[in-house]
Protein backbone atom coordinates (compact mmCIF):
# COMPACT_ATOMS: atom_id res chain seq x y z
CA MET A 1 109.33 29.75 38.33
CA ARG A 2 106.07 27.82 37.67
CA LEU A 3 106.06 24.43 35.48
CA ARG A 4 104.38 26.27 32.89
CA HIS A 5 107.32 28.50 32.94
CA ILE A 6 109.84 25.88 33.18
CA GLU A 7 108.16 23.49 29.94
CA ILE A 8 108.50 26.95 28.04
CA PHE A 9 111.95 27.65 28.97
CA GLN A 10 113.26 24.54 28.26
CA ALA A 11 111.08 24.34 25.21
CA ILE A 12 112.81 27.13 23.49
CA ARG A 13 116.08 25.74 25.03
CA GLN A 14 115.37 22.74 22.66
CA THR A 15 114.70 24.28 19.55
CA GLY A 16 115.69 27.72 19.95
CA SER A 17 112.98 29.86 18.93
CA ILE A 18 109.57 30.85 20.09
CA SER A 19 108.06 29.67 16.75
CA ALA A 20 109.60 26.03 16.76
CA ALA A 21 108.91 25.93 20.78
CA ALA A 22 105.21 26.96 19.84
CA GLN A 23 105.38 23.92 17.27
CA LEU A 24 106.79 21.54 19.91
CA LEU A 25 104.23 22.39 22.46
CA HIS A 26 101.23 22.31 19.97
CA VAL A 27 100.56 25.45 21.44
CA SER A 28 100.29 29.57 19.74
CA GLN A 29 103.31 31.35 19.28
CA PRO A 30 101.48 34.15 21.06
CA ALA A 31 101.18 31.87 23.75
CA VAL A 32 104.64 30.63 24.60
CA THR A 33 105.61 34.47 24.26
CA LYS A 34 103.52 35.87 27.27
CA VAL A 35 104.42 32.54 29.34
CA LEU A 36 108.16 33.60 28.46
CA GLN A 37 107.44 37.39 29.36
CA HIS A 38 105.67 36.47 32.90
CA ALA A 39 108.60 34.23 33.90
CA GLU A 40 110.84 36.73 33.20
CA GLN A 41 108.95 39.71 35.30
CA GLN A 42 108.61 37.14 37.91
CA LEU A 43 112.72 36.17 37.96
CA GLY A 44 113.45 39.79 37.81
CA PHE A 45 115.72 39.21 34.45
CA PRO A 46 115.93 38.03 31.21
CA LEU A 47 116.33 34.47 30.28
CA PHE A 48 116.86 34.92 26.48
CA LEU A 49 118.89 37.32 24.14
CA ARG A 50 117.74 37.74 20.46
CA VAL A 51 121.40 37.68 19.15
CA ARG A 52 121.28 37.66 15.09
CA GLY A 53 117.75 36.34 15.28
CA LYS A 54 118.45 33.76 17.34
CA LEU A 55 117.29 33.11 20.95
CA LEU A 56 120.31 32.65 23.04
CA ALA A 57 120.38 31.99 27.20
CA THR A 58 121.72 34.17 29.24
CA PRO A 59 124.32 33.71 32.35
CA GLU A 60 121.39 33.44 34.40
CA ALA A 61 119.18 31.11 32.48
CA LEU A 62 122.38 28.51 32.17
CA GLU A 63 122.49 28.61 35.81
CA LEU A 64 118.72 27.73 36.26
CA GLU A 65 118.60 25.23 34.01
CA ARG A 66 120.78 22.78 36.25
CA GLU A 67 118.25 23.16 38.75
CA VAL A 68 115.63 22.69 36.05
CA ASP A 69 117.04 19.58 34.60
CA LYS A 70 116.22 18.10 38.26
CA VAL A 71 112.90 18.85 38.05
CA THR A 72 112.10 17.94 34.89
CA GLU A 73 113.32 14.56 35.68
CA SER A 74 111.51 14.17 38.52
CA LEU A 75 108.24 15.02 36.83
CA GLN A 76 109.56 12.42 34.25
CA GLY A 77 109.61 10.09 37.16
CA VAL A 78 106.13 10.77 38.56
CA ARG A 79 104.88 9.96 34.54
CA ARG A 80 106.22 6.95 34.54
CA LEU A 81 104.92 5.99 38.08
CA ALA A 82 101.66 7.23 36.95
CA GLN A 83 101.55 5.33 33.42
CA SER A 84 102.88 2.05 35.50
CA LEU A 85 99.72 2.36 38.32
CA ARG A 86 97.54 2.43 35.45
CA ARG A 87 98.56 -0.82 34.15
CA GLU A 88 96.26 -3.86 34.77
CA PRO A 89 97.73 -6.73 36.64
CA GLY A 90 98.12 -9.89 35.71
CA HIS A 91 97.80 -9.03 31.98
CA SER A 92 101.82 -8.95 31.45
CA LEU A 93 105.28 -9.48 33.35
CA ARG A 94 108.10 -7.29 33.17
CA ILE A 95 111.51 -8.59 33.99
CA GLY A 96 114.72 -6.54 34.00
CA ALA A 97 118.40 -8.16 34.10
CA THR A 98 121.75 -7.17 34.20
CA PRO A 99 123.29 -7.49 30.88
CA ALA A 100 125.20 -10.42 31.52
CA LEU A 101 122.12 -12.24 32.94
CA ALA A 102 119.68 -10.94 29.98
CA LEU A 103 121.84 -12.69 27.39
CA SER A 104 122.65 -15.67 29.01
CA LEU A 105 119.52 -17.19 31.27
CA LEU A 106 116.38 -14.89 29.98
CA PRO A 107 115.96 -16.31 26.60
CA PRO A 108 115.82 -19.98 27.68
CA ALA A 109 113.68 -19.57 30.27
CA ILE A 110 111.43 -17.21 29.01
CA GLN A 111 111.03 -19.45 26.30
CA GLN A 112 109.71 -22.11 28.41
CA TRP A 113 107.53 -19.96 30.59
CA THR A 114 105.90 -17.92 27.84
CA GLY A 115 104.91 -21.61 26.44
CA GLN A 116 103.72 -22.37 29.82
CA PHE A 117 101.65 -18.90 29.80
CA PRO A 118 100.80 -17.80 26.52
CA ASP A 119 98.17 -14.93 26.95
CA ILE A 120 100.75 -13.27 29.26
CA ALA A 121 102.63 -10.58 27.58
CA CYS A 122 106.48 -10.22 28.92
CA GLU A 123 108.14 -7.58 28.49
CA LEU A 124 111.93 -8.05 28.61
CA SER A 125 114.64 -5.04 29.69
CA SER A 126 118.20 -4.81 30.81
CA ALA A 127 120.19 -2.35 32.67
CA HIS A 128 122.99 -2.15 35.25
CA SER A 129 121.96 -3.17 39.05
CA ARG A 130 121.76 0.30 40.41
CA GLU A 131 119.55 1.56 37.83
CA LEU A 132 117.36 -1.92 38.36
CA MET A 133 116.69 -1.41 41.58
CA GLN A 134 115.14 2.37 40.94
CA ASN A 135 113.13 0.47 38.00
CA LEU A 136 111.74 -1.61 40.71
CA LEU A 137 110.78 1.01 43.27
CA MET A 138 109.33 3.01 40.01
CA ARG A 139 107.35 0.07 39.13
CA GLU A 140 108.54 0.17 35.61
CA VAL A 141 110.08 -3.71 36.22
CA ASP A 142 107.99 -6.56 38.42
CA VAL A 143 111.19 -8.66 39.11
CA ALA A 144 114.72 -7.72 38.79
CA LEU A 145 117.69 -10.31 37.64
CA THR A 146 121.23 -9.47 39.75
CA LEU A 147 124.33 -11.02 40.74
CA GLN A 148 124.35 -8.09 43.79
CA LEU A 149 122.04 -7.86 47.27
CA PRO A 150 120.19 -4.77 46.99
CA ASP A 151 120.25 -2.29 50.19
CA HIS A 152 117.00 -0.60 50.47
CA PRO A 153 114.12 -1.09 53.04
CA GLY A 154 111.54 -1.17 50.15
CA LEU A 155 113.06 -4.14 48.48
CA LYS A 156 113.54 -8.26 48.92
CA ALA A 157 115.81 -10.68 47.21
CA GLN A 158 115.40 -14.34 46.93
CA ALA A 159 118.50 -16.13 46.20
CA LEU A 160 118.15 -18.68 42.83
CA ALA A 161 121.38 -20.15 42.57
CA SER A 162 125.15 -19.46 43.97
CA GLY A 163 128.33 -20.02 42.21
CA VAL A 164 131.71 -18.85 41.58
CA LEU A 165 133.69 -15.91 39.51
CA VAL A 166 135.53 -17.70 36.74
CA ALA A 167 138.46 -16.86 34.95
CA LEU A 168 138.81 -16.77 31.08
CA ALA A 169 141.56 -16.78 29.00
CA PRO A 170 142.30 -17.38 25.62
CA LYS A 171 142.94 -20.64 24.02
CA GLY A 172 146.85 -21.45 24.44
CA TYR A 173 147.25 -19.56 27.08
CA TRP A 174 147.50 -21.99 29.77
CA PRO A 175 148.52 -25.55 29.47
CA GLU A 176 145.86 -27.88 28.16
CA GLU A 177 146.11 -29.77 30.30
CA ASP A 178 145.39 -27.50 32.81
CA ALA A 179 141.87 -26.48 31.12
CA GLY A 180 139.12 -26.74 33.65
CA GLN A 181 140.93 -26.97 36.55
CA PRO A 182 141.22 -24.10 39.36
CA LEU A 183 143.37 -21.73 38.92
CA PRO A 184 145.66 -20.58 41.91
CA LEU A 185 145.08 -17.22 42.73
CA MET A 186 148.89 -16.23 42.29
CA ALA A 187 148.37 -17.50 38.61
CA LEU A 188 146.86 -13.81 37.59
CA ALA A 189 150.44 -12.26 38.98
CA GLY A 190 151.40 -10.02 35.99
CA ALA A 191 148.52 -11.27 33.59
CA PRO A 192 147.45 -9.04 31.18
CA LEU A 193 143.60 -8.15 32.88
CA ILE A 194 140.50 -6.99 31.56
CA GLY A 195 139.29 -4.66 34.33
CA LEU A 196 135.96 -4.43 35.23
CA SER A 197 134.61 -0.40 36.00
CA SER A 198 134.43 0.81 39.16
CA ALA A 199 131.01 1.40 38.85
CA ASP A 200 130.58 -2.66 38.96
CA PRO A 201 128.90 -4.27 42.16
CA LEU A 202 132.08 -6.95 41.99
CA ALA A 203 134.73 -4.74 41.04
CA ALA A 204 135.19 -3.58 44.67
CA ARG A 205 134.84 -7.60 45.96
CA LEU A 206 137.53 -8.59 42.79
CA ASP A 207 139.76 -5.78 43.81
CA SER A 208 140.34 -7.05 47.45
CA TYR A 209 140.42 -10.48 46.12
CA LEU A 210 143.59 -9.98 43.81
CA GLU A 211 145.18 -7.36 46.51
CA ALA A 212 147.63 -10.40 47.31
CA VAL A 213 148.63 -10.85 44.11
CA GLU A 214 152.19 -9.93 43.34
CA PRO A 215 153.03 -8.48 40.94
CA PRO A 216 149.60 -7.19 40.31
CA PRO A 217 147.65 -7.96 37.15
CA ARG A 218 148.17 -5.35 34.46
CA VAL A 219 144.97 -3.66 33.75
CA ARG A 220 145.28 -1.65 30.71
CA ILE A 221 141.30 -2.47 29.36
CA ALA A 222 138.56 -1.68 31.36
CA VAL A 223 135.14 -2.34 30.85
CA GLN A 224 131.34 -1.97 31.83
CA THR A 225 129.83 -5.71 31.15
CA TYR A 226 130.55 -8.72 31.38
CA SER A 227 129.53 -9.56 27.85
CA LEU A 228 132.13 -6.97 26.87
CA ALA A 229 135.13 -8.54 28.80
CA ARG A 230 134.27 -11.84 26.94
CA VAL A 231 134.35 -10.53 23.79
CA MET A 232 137.42 -8.83 24.85
CA VAL A 233 138.79 -12.23 25.67
CA GLU A 234 137.62 -14.25 22.86
CA SER A 235 139.35 -10.97 20.72
CA GLY A 236 142.50 -12.16 22.42
CA ALA A 237 143.04 -8.77 24.45
CA GLY A 238 143.74 -10.52 27.50
CA VAL A 239 142.01 -12.73 30.55
CA ALA A 240 139.02 -11.74 32.58
CA VAL A 241 137.64 -12.34 35.82
CA ILE A 242 133.70 -12.86 35.05
CA ASP A 243 130.66 -14.60 36.13
CA PRO A 244 130.13 -18.05 34.92
CA PHE A 245 126.76 -17.59 33.01
CA THR A 246 128.68 -14.96 30.78
CA ALA A 247 131.66 -17.17 30.40
CA LEU A 248 129.40 -19.98 29.25
CA GLY A 249 128.52 -18.00 26.50
CA ALA A 250 132.07 -18.12 25.43
CA SER A 251 133.50 -19.64 21.97
CA PRO A 252 135.05 -23.12 23.68
CA THR A 253 136.95 -22.88 20.19
CA SER A 254 138.57 -19.60 21.27
CA THR A 255 138.73 -19.37 25.22
CA VAL A 256 139.26 -21.65 27.93
CA ILE A 257 137.38 -21.21 31.55
CA ARG A 258 138.91 -22.15 35.07
CA PRO A 259 137.30 -21.26 38.42
CA LEU A 260 139.26 -19.38 40.70
CA ALA A 261 141.12 -20.76 44.26
CA PRO A 262 140.18 -19.74 46.24
CA PRO A 263 136.90 -19.13 44.92
CA LEU A 264 135.45 -16.03 44.98
CA PRO A 265 131.46 -16.91 45.46
CA ILE A 266 128.50 -15.07 43.77
CA THR A 267 124.53 -15.32 44.01
CA LEU A 268 122.07 -15.26 41.46
CA TYR A 269 118.94 -12.84 43.26
CA ALA A 270 115.53 -12.18 41.75
CA VAL A 271 114.80 -8.66 43.59
CA THR A 272 111.35 -7.59 43.89
CA ARG A 273 109.12 -4.72 45.96
CA ALA A 274 108.92 -5.67 49.93
CA THR A 275 105.48 -3.83 50.13
CA GLU A 276 103.70 -5.49 47.84
CA PRO A 277 102.68 -9.24 46.71
CA PRO A 278 104.53 -9.99 43.58
CA PRO A 279 102.74 -11.28 40.45
CA HIS A 280 101.00 -14.46 40.64
CA THR A 281 102.81 -15.82 37.36
CA LEU A 282 106.07 -15.13 39.16
CA HIS A 283 106.60 -17.87 41.15
CA ASP A 284 106.71 -20.30 38.31
CA LEU A 285 109.26 -17.88 36.04
CA LEU A 286 111.86 -17.48 39.29
CA GLU A 287 111.27 -21.51 39.56
CA MET A 288 112.76 -21.58 35.91
CA PHE A 289 115.38 -19.16 36.32
CA SER A 290 116.58 -21.35 39.54
CA GLN A 291 116.54 -24.31 37.35
CA ARG A 292 118.12 -22.85 34.28
CA ALA A 293 121.09 -21.57 36.43
CA GLY A 294 121.61 -24.66 38.20
CA GLU A 295 122.04 -26.31 34.64
CA GLN A 296 124.61 -23.90 33.66
CA LEU A 297 126.37 -23.92 36.30
CA ASN A 298 126.39 -27.73 36.31
CA ASN A 299 127.77 -27.74 32.73
CA LEU A 300 130.43 -25.57 34.22
CA ASN A 301 131.72 -27.61 36.98
CA PRO A 302 129.85 -30.97 35.96
CA ALA A 303 129.94 -33.67 38.69
């Protein structure tokens, strides 16, 4: 199938008729019919059958659709990359961050940075670490903030701050005199733990950390973001082990934070492309991120 065949095929699948596909693609109805007939002639089998006035995909078309979707996704990636390459450098900065960092770290640092560089536009986005790395490689963002060290030769990481994972629990779950004190690992035995999705980069480390706990924590709720884990704790659903940046955003009237003992360290990374110099304004922004992160961690563990 040619690319034009694929385009017509998908338009018909989306709309269910020749006329609607023509409107979607801004071409004439005969043009769509002609391309469809040409595609079917080349393939040697029909792609659609007319049933009660509607076009229904044949079994062969449904099999083809799986591979067609892969081609379309690749083409969309080419278009996004081309759009990024047309972008004039130096006039904007695109920042991606994991959901936890986007909510806790970005707002104050970006406010400070835009005051220093008022003529440069700033575009913010939030995604999980794996998607952020792909966005960097596709030049859809200029820098990504994550708690995961990337494993790709085309990317480089700069450590901005280091901290430890913390336990967050509803107020009253621990004795009041223990608030802020390190939480022994075995204190999580049998605890109603809000788990992390297996797709989270820290989930495997946390699972290994908890292997020694007996009886193991009771995980009945699993979430994909630390922010959601924090909200679940605030609602009284259980205890969560999350990053300190997210934990500091929890309500102090309804939750208590305790660092783990032994500690489970984490690092905040700024990830950029290894094959090209970063935007000249990024250095100042990363310094602000590092400063803000350090301030937040000091609030968690004041000297």
